[in-house]
Amino acid sequence: MTPARRRKALAGRVIELAEGAKLGKGEKMVRDSERNKAGKRVREGLARKQQERRKRKLDEVFLVLPHLRRKFVYLIIRPRIWGIIIQP
């Protein structure tokens, strides 16, 4: 783990202990707050890259396990299920 990632993880654990976040959500809070300090174009670029990574990973899963495609096609057609939003 890189020093920056370790530092963010520790800051997240401190937030969790101070009950500022639910258990396991502190590090994400720290990362989100840091990302929100960035410029608009940087934030949009990070979000776009994250979306591309998710799509590539999903395509890779479909190549290995094609029977899962039917389940995900339903999620893409009807993207909001149990409060989860899946971007096509």
Protein backbone atom coordinates (compact mmCIF):
# COMPACT_ATOMS: atom_id res chain seq x y z
CA MET A 1 0.00 0.00 0.00
CA THR A 2 1.34 3.41 -0.93
CA PRO A 3 1.94 5.99 1.81
CA ALA A 4 -0.90 8.20 0.51
CA ARG A 5 -3.33 5.31 0.54
CA ARG A 6 -2.19 4.31 4.04
CA ARG A 7 -2.65 7.88 5.27
CA LYS A 8 -6.19 8.05 3.82
CA ALA A 9 -7.05 4.66 5.30
CA LEU A 10 -5.88 5.78 8.74
CA ALA A 11 -7.81 9.06 8.47
CA GLY A 12 -10.87 7.04 7.50
CA ARG A 13 -10.49 4.74 10.51
CA VAL A 14 -10.25 7.78 12.80
CA ILE A 15 -13.48 9.19 11.31
CA GLU A 16 -15.15 5.81 11.85
CA LEU A 17 -14.02 5.70 15.48
CA ALA A 18 -15.30 9.22 16.06
CA GLU A 19 -18.64 8.00 14.64
CA GLY A 20 -18.47 10.45 11.76
CA ALA A 21 -19.07 7.58 9.35
CA LYS A 22 -20.36 4.03 9.37
CA LEU A 23 -17.83 1.25 9.71
CA GLY A 24 -16.03 0.65 6.43
CA LYS A 25 -17.12 3.99 4.92
CA GLY A 26 -14.50 6.32 6.45
CA GLU A 27 -11.80 5.89 3.80
CA LYS A 28 -14.35 6.50 1.05
CA MET A 29 -15.42 9.71 2.81
CA VAL A 30 -11.82 10.90 2.91
CA ARG A 31 -11.31 10.10 -0.78
CA ASP A 32 -14.57 11.79 -1.77
CA SER A 33 -13.76 14.93 0.20
CA GLU A 34 -10.33 15.08 -1.43
CA ARG A 35 -11.82 14.56 -4.88
CA ASN A 36 -14.37 17.33 -4.31
CA LYS A 37 -11.53 19.82 -3.81
CA ALA A 38 -10.34 19.19 -7.38
CA GLY A 39 -11.44 21.26 -10.36
CA LYS A 40 -14.62 20.45 -12.24
CA ARG A 41 -12.85 19.03 -15.29
CA VAL A 42 -10.63 16.86 -13.12
CA ARG A 43 -13.64 15.50 -11.23
CA GLU A 44 -15.46 14.78 -14.47
CA GLY A 45 -12.37 13.08 -15.88
CA LEU A 46 -12.01 10.89 -12.79
CA ALA A 47 -15.69 9.93 -12.94
CA ARG A 48 -15.43 9.13 -16.67
CA LYS A 49 -12.34 6.98 -16.15
CA GLN A 50 -14.04 5.12 -13.29
CA GLN A 51 -17.06 4.46 -15.51
CA GLU A 52 -14.80 3.17 -18.29
CA ARG A 53 -13.02 0.84 -15.85
CA ARG A 54 -16.37 -0.53 -14.62
CA LYS A 55 -17.53 -1.12 -18.19
CA ARG A 56 -14.29 -2.90 -19.14
CA LYS A 57 -14.48 -5.08 -16.05
CA LEU A 58 -18.11 -5.94 -16.79
CA ASP A 59 -17.27 -6.81 -20.41
CA GLU A 60 -14.44 -9.02 -19.16
CA VAL A 61 -16.84 -10.85 -16.84
CA PHE A 62 -19.27 -11.39 -19.72
CA LEU A 63 -16.48 -12.95 -21.78
CA VAL A 64 -15.67 -15.40 -19.01
CA LEU A 65 -19.24 -16.02 -17.80
CA PRO A 66 -21.65 -15.30 -20.69
CA HIS A 67 -24.72 -16.61 -18.81
CA LEU A 68 -24.58 -13.53 -16.56
CA ARG A 69 -25.34 -11.23 -19.50
CA ARG A 70 -29.08 -12.00 -19.30
CA LYS A 71 -29.23 -10.79 -15.69
CA PHE A 72 -27.33 -7.60 -16.48
CA VAL A 73 -29.39 -6.87 -19.60
CA TYR A 74 -32.40 -6.63 -17.31
CA LEU A 75 -30.49 -4.23 -15.05
CA ILE A 76 -29.53 -2.08 -18.03
CA ILE A 77 -33.12 -1.98 -19.32
CA ARG A 78 -34.46 -1.24 -15.85
CA PRO A 79 -31.50 0.45 -14.13
CA ARG A 80 -33.06 1.31 -10.76
CA ILE A 81 -33.56 -1.74 -8.56
CA TRP A 82 -33.51 -1.50 -4.76
CA GLY A 83 -32.02 1.97 -4.92
CA ILE A 84 -29.03 0.85 -6.97
CA ILE A 85 -28.40 2.82 -10.13
CA ILE A 86 -26.33 1.08 -12.78
CA GLN A 87 -25.01 3.22 -15.62
CA PRO A 88 -25.17 1.43 -19.01
